[in-house]
Amino acid sequence: MPSAVRILPNYTYADYEQWEGQWELIDGIPYAMSPLPVPKHQKIAMALGTEFTIQLKSCKQCSAYQPIDYRISDDTILQPDMLIVCGEISKKYLDFAPALVVEILSPATTVKDRHTKYSIYESQGIPYYLIIAPDTEEIEVYQLKEGVYSLAQKGKDFSYQFSFGHCSAFVDFKEIW
C-alpha cells in the first residue's frame, strides 16, 4: 500500500506582503501572530523598550524597536517582540542581523520561541537573545560565544551590561515588572 505524501505549502515574502493581520513565516510555513498579546506582555515590552531607549540615547548607531519584520530569507520573516538594531534600516524590513532580540513567552509561542526561533537567531549570529517569561517574571539572557548561545544570566531582579560595539546599555530588569 503506497504511503501518503504530505505536501506543505511553501510561501515567500511576496505572499507574506499580501496577507492581512500579523504573521511570521518560517521555512515557508505561515504562523498567525494572534490573538494580540495580553496586557502584561505589552507592559513588559514597553518597559523594556523604554529601558533600552534611555540607555542607548547617546548611541547614534543603535536603536530599540518594537516588532518589525526581520527578513532572514525569502521564506523566513520573523517579528521579535523587541529588537536592538545597530545600523540603518533602508528597506521596509530589517535585512541584517540585529544586535539583540527579545521574545516574551506566551502559551501559544513558548515552544517556537525556545526552540525554533532560538536556533534561527543563533544561526544568524545575533549577539544577544532574551527570553522573558511573564508568568514567573524571569529573564534569560543568552549571549553568542563562538557561534553558540550560552546562558549568561537568569533571574528576576538583576542588572546586565550589554555591549553593542561602540555602544553599551546597562539594563536593570527589575524595572520592567
Protein backbone atom coordinates (compact mmCIF):
# COMPACT_ATOMS: atom_id res chain seq x y z
CA MET A 1 0.00 0.00 0.00
CA PRO A 2 1.53 3.34 -1.01
CA SER A 3 2.15 5.83 1.77
CA ALA A 4 0.50 9.21 1.62
CA VAL A 5 2.72 12.10 0.66
CA ARG A 6 2.32 15.12 2.87
CA ILE A 7 2.54 18.33 0.90
CA LEU A 8 3.12 21.51 2.84
CA PRO A 9 2.72 24.98 1.41
CA ASN A 10 5.86 27.00 0.77
CA TYR A 11 5.16 30.72 0.94
CA THR A 12 7.58 33.56 0.26
CA TYR A 13 7.93 37.22 1.17
CA ALA A 14 5.85 38.17 -1.90
CA ASP A 15 2.94 36.11 -0.49
CA TYR A 16 3.54 37.42 3.03
CA GLU A 17 3.18 41.04 1.86
CA GLN A 18 -0.38 40.33 0.70
CA TRP A 19 -1.68 38.87 3.97
CA GLU A 20 -3.81 40.76 6.45
CA GLY A 21 -3.09 40.58 10.15
CA GLN A 22 0.17 39.70 11.84
CA TRP A 23 2.10 36.68 10.62
CA GLU A 24 5.53 35.13 10.79
CA LEU A 25 6.93 32.91 8.07
CA ILE A 26 9.39 30.14 8.97
CA ASP A 27 10.79 27.98 6.18
CA GLY A 28 7.79 28.87 4.03
CA ILE A 29 5.21 27.90 6.68
CA PRO A 30 2.94 30.74 7.96
CA TYR A 31 2.29 31.22 11.69
CA ALA A 32 -0.53 33.51 12.83
CA MET A 33 0.51 36.04 15.46
CA SER A 34 -2.93 36.29 17.00
CA PRO A 35 -4.60 36.81 19.32
CA LEU A 36 -2.98 40.06 20.39
CA PRO A 37 -0.63 39.79 23.37
CA VAL A 38 -2.13 40.11 26.85
CA PRO A 39 -1.67 43.39 28.76
CA LYS A 40 1.20 42.07 30.94
CA HIS A 41 3.13 41.09 27.78
CA GLN A 42 2.61 44.57 26.33
CA LYS A 43 3.60 46.28 29.58
CA ILE A 44 6.85 44.29 29.75
CA ALA A 45 7.63 45.01 26.09
CA MET A 46 7.03 48.74 26.54
CA ALA A 47 9.03 48.96 29.78
CA LEU A 48 11.98 47.03 28.35
CA GLY A 49 11.92 49.11 25.17
CA THR A 50 11.98 52.25 27.32
CA GLU A 51 14.92 50.96 29.37
CA PHE A 52 16.96 50.26 26.23
CA THR A 53 15.94 53.54 24.59
CA ILE A 54 17.12 55.52 27.62
CA GLN A 55 20.37 53.56 27.83
CA LEU A 56 21.09 53.99 24.11
CA LYS A 57 20.16 57.68 23.98
CA SER A 58 23.74 58.80 23.36
CA CYS A 59 24.40 56.00 20.86
CA LYS A 60 23.77 57.18 17.32
CA GLN A 61 24.30 53.72 15.77
CA CYS A 62 21.84 51.61 17.80
CA SER A 63 18.10 51.92 18.44
CA ALA A 64 15.39 49.90 20.15
CA TYR A 65 12.43 48.77 18.06
CA GLN A 66 9.10 47.17 18.85
CA PRO A 67 8.10 44.37 16.43
CA ILE A 68 9.26 44.94 12.87
CA ASP A 69 9.69 42.46 10.06
CA TYR A 70 13.08 40.78 10.22
CA ARG A 71 13.54 39.15 6.81
CA ILE A 72 16.09 36.39 7.16
CA SER A 73 15.42 34.83 3.77
CA ASP A 74 12.70 34.88 1.14
CA ASP A 75 10.74 32.26 3.09
CA THR A 76 11.58 33.25 6.69
CA ILE A 77 10.30 36.50 8.17
CA LEU A 78 10.13 36.93 11.95
CA GLN A 79 8.71 39.64 14.22
CA PRO A 80 10.59 39.60 17.52
CA ASP A 81 8.81 41.32 20.40
CA MET A 82 11.69 43.81 20.64
CA LEU A 83 15.00 44.34 18.85
CA ILE A 84 18.13 46.41 19.14
CA VAL A 85 19.37 47.35 15.68
CA CYS A 86 22.79 48.89 15.11
CA GLY A 87 22.88 50.38 11.65
CA GLU A 88 20.45 51.99 9.28
CA ILE A 89 17.35 50.13 8.12
CA SER A 90 17.00 51.19 4.50
CA LYS A 91 14.13 48.91 3.48
CA LYS A 92 10.63 48.39 4.87
CA TYR A 93 12.03 45.43 6.79
CA LEU A 94 15.25 44.56 8.57
CA ASP A 95 17.50 42.53 6.27
CA PHE A 96 20.56 42.10 8.50
CA ALA A 97 21.07 40.60 11.94
CA PRO A 98 20.05 42.82 14.85
CA ALA A 99 22.33 43.14 17.89
CA LEU A 100 19.67 41.78 20.25
CA VAL A 101 16.26 40.15 20.03
CA VAL A 102 13.65 39.67 22.73
CA GLU A 103 10.83 37.16 22.82
CA ILE A 104 8.21 37.41 25.56
CA LEU A 105 6.70 33.98 26.07
CA SER A 106 3.02 33.17 25.84
CA PRO A 107 1.37 29.73 25.95
CA ALA A 108 0.96 29.82 22.16
CA THR A 109 4.60 30.77 21.41
CA THR A 110 6.76 29.12 24.08
CA VAL A 111 7.89 26.11 22.04
CA LYS A 112 8.53 28.20 18.91
CA ASP A 113 10.41 30.88 20.88
CA ARG A 114 12.53 28.46 22.92
CA HIS A 115 13.44 26.11 20.09
CA THR A 116 12.70 27.22 16.53
CA LYS A 117 13.48 30.91 16.94
CA TYR A 118 16.37 30.20 19.31
CA SER A 119 18.04 28.12 16.57
CA ILE A 120 17.31 30.70 13.89
CA TYR A 121 18.65 33.61 15.93
CA GLU A 122 21.74 31.61 16.88
CA SER A 123 22.39 30.67 13.23
CA GLN A 124 22.05 34.34 12.23
CA GLY A 125 24.80 35.34 14.65
CA ILE A 126 22.63 37.63 16.79
CA PRO A 127 24.83 38.50 19.79
CA TYR A 128 22.05 38.54 22.42
CA TYR A 129 18.77 36.69 22.77
CA LEU A 130 16.48 37.47 25.70
CA ILE A 131 13.63 35.17 26.64
CA ILE A 132 11.15 36.63 29.11
CA ALA A 133 8.59 34.52 30.99
CA PRO A 134 5.82 36.85 32.22
CA ASP A 135 4.19 34.18 34.40
CA THR A 136 7.31 33.60 36.51
CA GLU A 137 8.77 37.07 35.86
CA GLU A 138 12.09 35.57 34.81
CA ILE A 139 14.52 36.73 32.18
CA GLU A 140 17.08 34.55 30.44
CA VAL A 141 19.96 36.40 28.78
CA TYR A 142 21.73 34.32 26.14
CA GLN A 143 24.98 35.59 24.68
CA LEU A 144 26.54 34.24 21.50
CA LYS A 145 30.01 32.83 22.11
CA GLU A 146 31.88 31.14 19.26
CA GLY A 147 28.63 30.79 17.30
CA VAL A 148 26.65 29.16 20.12
CA TYR A 149 24.30 30.70 22.68
CA SER A 150 25.36 30.44 26.29
CA LEU A 151 23.09 31.32 29.21
CA ALA A 152 24.81 34.42 30.61
CA GLN A 153 22.30 35.17 33.35
CA LYS A 154 18.86 34.12 34.51
CA GLY A 155 16.62 35.58 37.16
CA LYS A 156 14.06 38.19 38.02
CA ASP A 157 15.66 41.27 39.55
CA PHE A 158 19.15 41.72 38.15
CA SER A 159 21.06 44.18 36.03
CA TYR A 160 23.03 43.35 32.91
CA GLN A 161 25.59 45.21 30.83
CA PHE A 162 25.06 44.77 27.07
CA SER A 163 27.82 45.71 24.65
CA PHE A 164 26.93 46.70 21.08
CA GLY A 165 30.28 47.58 19.51
CA HIS A 166 30.93 51.20 20.48
CA CYS A 167 27.68 51.41 22.44
CA SER A 168 26.52 49.79 25.64
CA ALA A 169 23.36 49.54 27.69
CA PHE A 170 23.14 48.81 31.41
CA VAL A 171 19.63 47.44 31.95
CA ASP A 172 18.01 46.97 35.34
CA PHE A 173 15.45 44.24 34.74
CA LYS A 174 13.55 44.86 37.99
CA GLU A 175 12.25 47.99 36.23
CA ILE A 176 10.25 46.01 33.65
CA TRP A 177 7.78 44.36 36.02
